[in-house]
Amino acid sequence: LPEYKESFKYMAIVFPLCIFDGKMQMLIVTNLKVIRREGILLKSNIISLLLSVLLCIFCALVIDSMISVIISIAIVIVFRSIIAEWFLSRELNIFDIKNLLSEIGIVIIFTLCAWYIDGYISMFIYSFVYIVFIFLNRKSILRVFSTMKKALA
């Protein structure tokens, strides 16, 4: 395990990718296809492709850093998820900026803690932030559980 210590730093980038890309594939793409708005999906993918090409060229040629290329790819994937969610939310009239910003904030805090702070301190900071997030969104969470309970009954 000590030989893999350096690769654990990259998990700080991979986990947010899993969250945003998973959300994109499971929720946003599915909903856009169900409501027959594949054009919105195409727009968000083209915008993301152009941004990805520009950022990767800049990071590879100007900054000359593989880490910056990886981070730029992560930023583009997060951006793609946000822009597609914004298009979908606008289409369904359910846009919630507070929820989106808190999600982005939690991911940024996780990434910074995992990248710059070692071990248990990072875990405690992130756990505290997550508990605050749950506390602030407790009404929504209870509403979801209530809806699930009614659906299963």
C-alpha atoms as a PDB file:
ATOM      1  CA  LEU A   1       0.000   0.000   0.000  1.00  0.00           C
ATOM      2  CA  PRO A   2       2.792   2.551   0.636  1.00  0.00           C
ATOM      3  CA  GLU A   3       3.833   2.301  -3.028  1.00  0.00           C
ATOM      4  CA  TYR A   4       0.395   3.621  -4.000  1.00  0.00           C
ATOM      5  CA  LYS A   5       0.518   6.658  -1.732  1.00  0.00           C
ATOM      6  CA  GLU A   6       0.973   9.060  -4.651  1.00  0.00           C
ATOM      7  CA  SER A   7      -1.972   7.591  -6.547  1.00  0.00           C
ATOM      8  CA  PHE A   8      -4.310   8.327  -3.622  1.00  0.00           C
ATOM      9  CA  LYS A   9      -3.907  12.032  -4.354  1.00  0.00           C
ATOM     10  CA  TYR A  10      -5.469  11.463  -7.753  1.00  0.00           C
ATOM     11  CA  MET A  11      -8.502   9.925  -6.063  1.00  0.00           C
ATOM     12  CA  ALA A  12      -9.314  13.483  -5.003  1.00  0.00           C
ATOM     13  CA  ILE A  13      -9.945  14.191  -8.674  1.00  0.00           C
ATOM     14  CA  VAL A  14     -11.503  10.848  -9.609  1.00  0.00           C
ATOM     15  CA  PHE A  15     -14.214  10.832  -6.930  1.00  0.00           C
ATOM     16  CA  PRO A  16     -15.783  14.143  -8.007  1.00  0.00           C
ATOM     17  CA  LEU A  17     -15.682  12.869 -11.585  1.00  0.00           C
ATOM     18  CA  CYS A  18     -17.641   9.813 -10.477  1.00  0.00           C
ATOM     19  CA  ILE A  19     -20.219  12.003  -8.756  1.00  0.00           C
ATOM     20  CA  PHE A  20     -20.787  14.474 -11.568  1.00  0.00           C
ATOM     21  CA  ASP A  21     -20.470  12.040 -14.464  1.00  0.00           C
ATOM     22  CA  GLY A  22     -22.617   9.474 -12.659  1.00  0.00           C
ATOM     23  CA  LYS A  23     -25.262  12.112 -12.008  1.00  0.00           C
ATOM     24  CA  MET A  24     -25.045  13.178 -15.624  1.00  0.00           C
ATOM     25  CA  GLN A  25     -25.431   9.649 -17.021  1.00  0.00           C
ATOM     26  CA  MET A  26     -28.053   8.346 -14.607  1.00  0.00           C
ATOM     27  CA  LEU A  27     -30.255  11.382 -14.099  1.00  0.00           C
ATOM     28  CA  ILE A  28     -29.726  14.183 -16.572  1.00  0.00           C
ATOM     29  CA  VAL A  29     -29.201  12.216 -19.797  1.00  0.00           C
ATOM     30  CA  THR A  30     -32.059   9.878 -18.937  1.00  0.00           C
ATOM     31  CA  ASN A  31     -34.452  12.744 -18.213  1.00  0.00           C
ATOM     32  CA  LEU A  32     -33.445  14.665 -21.323  1.00  0.00           C
ATOM     33  CA  LYS A  33     -34.076  11.593 -23.451  1.00  0.00           C
ATOM     34  CA  VAL A  34     -37.421  10.906 -21.780  1.00  0.00           C
ATOM     35  CA  ILE A  35     -38.682  14.424 -22.478  1.00  0.00           C
ATOM     36  CA  ARG A  36     -37.226  14.185 -25.985  1.00  0.00           C
ATOM     37  CA  ARG A  37     -34.696  17.010 -25.610  1.00  0.00           C
ATOM     38  CA  GLU A  38     -31.659  15.315 -27.127  1.00  0.00           C
ATOM     39  CA  GLY A  39     -30.768  18.653 -28.736  1.00  0.00           C
ATOM     40  CA  ILE A  40     -30.036  20.074 -25.287  1.00  0.00           C
ATOM     41  CA  LEU A  41     -27.755  17.130 -24.632  1.00  0.00           C
ATOM     42  CA  LEU A  42     -26.006  17.773 -27.933  1.00  0.00           C
ATOM     43  CA  LYS A  43     -25.523  21.469 -27.072  1.00  0.00           C
ATOM     44  CA  SER A  44     -24.016  20.723 -23.665  1.00  0.00           C
ATOM     45  CA  ASN A  45     -21.715  18.075 -25.161  1.00  0.00           C
ATOM     46  CA  ILE A  46     -20.499  20.387 -27.964  1.00  0.00           C
ATOM     47  CA  ILE A  47     -19.872  23.259 -25.534  1.00  0.00           C
ATOM     48  CA  SER A  48     -17.986  20.883 -23.247  1.00  0.00           C
ATOM     49  CA  LEU A  49     -15.969  19.439 -26.135  1.00  0.00           C
ATOM     50  CA  LEU A  50     -14.849  22.900 -27.259  1.00  0.00           C
ATOM     51  CA  LEU A  51     -13.982  23.904 -23.696  1.00  0.00           C
ATOM     52  CA  SER A  52     -12.095  20.650 -23.175  1.00  0.00           C
ATOM     53  CA  VAL A  53     -10.027  21.080 -26.334  1.00  0.00           C
ATOM     54  CA  LEU A  54      -9.138  24.676 -25.427  1.00  0.00           C
ATOM     55  CA  LEU A  55      -8.272  23.903 -21.809  1.00  0.00           C
ATOM     56  CA  CYS A  56      -6.275  20.757 -22.603  1.00  0.00           C
ATOM     57  CA  ILE A  57      -4.254  22.498 -25.312  1.00  0.00           C
ATOM     58  CA  PHE A  58      -3.591  25.428 -22.998  1.00  0.00           C
ATOM     59  CA  CYS A  59      -2.609  23.181 -20.072  1.00  0.00           C
ATOM     60  CA  ALA A  60      -0.464  20.859 -22.173  1.00  0.00           C
ATOM     61  CA  LEU A  61       1.331  23.433 -24.302  1.00  0.00           C
ATOM     62  CA  VAL A  62       1.417  26.609 -22.206  1.00  0.00           C
ATOM     63  CA  ILE A  63       1.471  25.327 -18.627  1.00  0.00           C
ATOM     64  CA  ASP A  64       3.210  22.061 -19.642  1.00  0.00           C
ATOM     65  CA  SER A  65       1.779  20.091 -16.745  1.00  0.00           C
ATOM     66  CA  MET A  66       0.032  16.733 -16.787  1.00  0.00           C
ATOM     67  CA  ILE A  67      -1.678  17.545 -13.476  1.00  0.00           C
ATOM     68  CA  SER A  68      -3.194  20.685 -14.969  1.00  0.00           C
ATOM     69  CA  VAL A  69      -4.482  18.667 -17.947  1.00  0.00           C
ATOM     70  CA  ILE A  70      -6.136  16.179 -15.574  1.00  0.00           C
ATOM     71  CA  ILE A  71      -7.643  18.983 -13.513  1.00  0.00           C
ATOM     72  CA  SER A  72      -8.913  20.714 -16.655  1.00  0.00           C
ATOM     73  CA  ILE A  73     -10.619  17.490 -17.754  1.00  0.00           C
ATOM     74  CA  ALA A  74     -12.251  17.242 -14.333  1.00  0.00           C
ATOM     75  CA  ILE A  75     -13.402  20.861 -14.566  1.00  0.00           C
ATOM     76  CA  VAL A  76     -14.925  20.242 -17.992  1.00  0.00           C
ATOM     77  CA  ILE A  77     -16.819  17.167 -16.782  1.00  0.00           C
ATOM     78  CA  VAL A  78     -18.179  19.127 -13.825  1.00  0.00           C
ATOM     79  CA  PHE A  79     -19.056  22.013 -16.156  1.00  0.00           C
ATOM     80  CA  ARG A  80     -20.840  19.632 -18.559  1.00  0.00           C
ATOM     81  CA  SER A  81     -22.931  18.236 -15.740  1.00  0.00           C
ATOM     82  CA  ILE A  82     -23.797  21.707 -14.454  1.00  0.00           C
ATOM     83  CA  ILE A  83     -24.731  23.102 -17.848  1.00  0.00           C
ATOM     84  CA  ALA A  84     -26.839  20.051 -18.757  1.00  0.00           C
ATOM     85  CA  GLU A  85     -28.556  20.195 -15.359  1.00  0.00           C
ATOM     86  CA  TRP A  86     -29.213  23.897 -15.882  1.00  0.00           C
ATOM     87  CA  PHE A  87     -30.768  23.229 -19.315  1.00  0.00           C
ATOM     88  CA  LEU A  88     -32.888  20.401 -17.884  1.00  0.00           C
ATOM     89  CA  SER A  89     -33.955  22.430 -14.842  1.00  0.00           C
ATOM     90  CA  ARG A  90     -34.911  25.337 -17.069  1.00  0.00           C
ATOM     91  CA  GLU A  91     -36.920  22.994 -19.271  1.00  0.00           C
ATOM     92  CA  LEU A  92     -38.771  21.568 -16.245  1.00  0.00           C
ATOM     93  CA  ASN A  93     -38.954  24.898 -14.327  1.00  0.00           C
ATOM     94  CA  ILE A  94     -37.274  23.455 -11.212  1.00  0.00           C
ATOM     95  CA  PHE A  95     -33.923  25.254 -11.048  1.00  0.00           C
ATOM     96  CA  ASP A  96     -32.474  25.357  -7.507  1.00  0.00           C
ATOM     97  CA  ILE A  97     -29.244  27.362  -7.319  1.00  0.00           C
ATOM     98  CA  LYS A  98     -28.798  26.690  -3.578  1.00  0.00           C
ATOM     99  CA  ASN A  99     -28.658  22.950  -4.096  1.00  0.00           C
ATOM    100  CA  LEU A 100     -26.282  23.228  -7.047  1.00  0.00           C
ATOM    101  CA  LEU A 101     -23.898  25.574  -5.215  1.00  0.00           C
ATOM    102  CA  SER A 102     -23.862  23.427  -2.095  1.00  0.00           C
ATOM    103  CA  GLU A 103     -23.068  20.348  -4.190  1.00  0.00           C
ATOM    104  CA  ILE A 104     -20.205  22.145  -5.916  1.00  0.00           C
ATOM    105  CA  GLY A 105     -18.966  23.495  -2.578  1.00  0.00           C
ATOM    106  CA  ILE A 106     -18.902  20.048  -0.993  1.00  0.00           C
ATOM    107  CA  VAL A 107     -16.979  18.606  -3.938  1.00  0.00           C
ATOM    108  CA  ILE A 108     -14.449  21.471  -3.838  1.00  0.00           C
ATOM    109  CA  ILE A 109     -13.946  21.045  -0.090  1.00  0.00           C
ATOM    110  CA  PHE A 110     -13.504  17.285  -0.513  1.00  0.00           C
ATOM    111  CA  THR A 111     -10.973  17.758  -3.311  1.00  0.00           C
ATOM    112  CA  LEU A 112      -8.966  20.396  -1.440  1.00  0.00           C
ATOM    113  CA  CYS A 113      -8.965  18.382   1.788  1.00  0.00           C
ATOM    114  CA  ALA A 114      -7.896  15.201   0.014  1.00  0.00           C
ATOM    115  CA  TRP A 115      -5.215  16.991  -2.014  1.00  0.00           C
ATOM    116  CA  TYR A 116      -3.651  19.239   0.629  1.00  0.00           C
ATOM    117  CA  ILE A 117      -4.460  17.764   4.038  1.00  0.00           C
ATOM    118  CA  ASP A 118      -3.360  14.320   5.122  1.00  0.00           C
ATOM    119  CA  GLY A 119      -5.304  11.524   6.720  1.00  0.00           C
ATOM    120  CA  TYR A 120      -7.614  11.900   9.648  1.00  0.00           C
ATOM    121  CA  ILE A 121      -7.698  15.696   9.678  1.00  0.00           C
ATOM    122  CA  SER A 122      -9.016  15.699   6.132  1.00  0.00           C
ATOM    123  CA  MET A 123     -11.606  13.085   7.033  1.00  0.00           C
ATOM    124  CA  PHE A 124     -12.808  15.104  10.048  1.00  0.00           C
ATOM    125  CA  ILE A 125     -13.058  18.336   8.058  1.00  0.00           C
ATOM    126  CA  TYR A 126     -15.001  16.669   5.278  1.00  0.00           C
ATOM    127  CA  SER A 127     -17.243  14.805   7.734  1.00  0.00           C
ATOM    128  CA  PHE A 128     -18.041  18.066   9.503  1.00  0.00           C
ATOM    129  CA  VAL A 129     -18.902  19.767   6.206  1.00  0.00           C
ATOM    130  CA  TYR A 130     -21.099  16.844   5.193  1.00  0.00           C
ATOM    131  CA  ILE A 131     -22.944  16.868   8.544  1.00  0.00           C
ATOM    132  CA  VAL A 132     -23.575  20.612   8.119  1.00  0.00           C
ATOM    133  CA  PHE A 133     -24.891  19.924   4.604  1.00  0.00           C
ATOM    134  CA  ILE A 134     -27.255  17.240   5.906  1.00  0.00           C
ATOM    135  CA  PHE A 135     -28.417  19.535   8.709  1.00  0.00           C
ATOM    136  CA  LEU A 136     -29.123  22.395   6.296  1.00  0.00           C
ATOM    137  CA  ASN A 137     -31.033  20.077   3.947  1.00  0.00           C
ATOM    138  CA  ARG A 138     -32.807  18.017   6.596  1.00  0.00           C
ATOM    139  CA  LYS A 139     -36.306  19.057   5.464  1.00  0.00           C
ATOM    140  CA  SER A 140     -35.647  17.940   1.898  1.00  0.00           C
ATOM    141  CA  ILE A 141     -34.098  14.677   3.096  1.00  0.00           C
ATOM    142  CA  LEU A 142     -37.062  13.936   5.379  1.00  0.00           C
ATOM    143  CA  ARG A 143     -39.453  14.754   2.528  1.00  0.00           C
ATOM    144  CA  VAL A 144     -37.664  12.262   0.258  1.00  0.00           C
ATOM    145  CA  PHE A 145     -37.802   9.542   2.924  1.00  0.00           C
ATOM    146  CA  SER A 146     -41.494  10.270   3.497  1.00  0.00           C
ATOM    147  CA  THR A 147     -42.212  10.017  -0.224  1.00  0.00           C
ATOM    148  CA  MET A 148     -40.265   6.757  -0.447  1.00  0.00           C
ATOM    149  CA  LYS A 149     -42.133   5.350   2.549  1.00  0.00           C
ATOM    150  CA  LYS A 150     -45.495   6.199   0.951  1.00  0.00           C
ATOM    151  CA  ALA A 151     -44.408   4.710  -2.368  1.00  0.00           C
ATOM    152  CA  LEU A 152     -43.315   1.452  -0.738  1.00  0.00           C
ATOM    153  CA  ALA A 153     -46.430   1.121   1.428  1.00  0.00           C
END
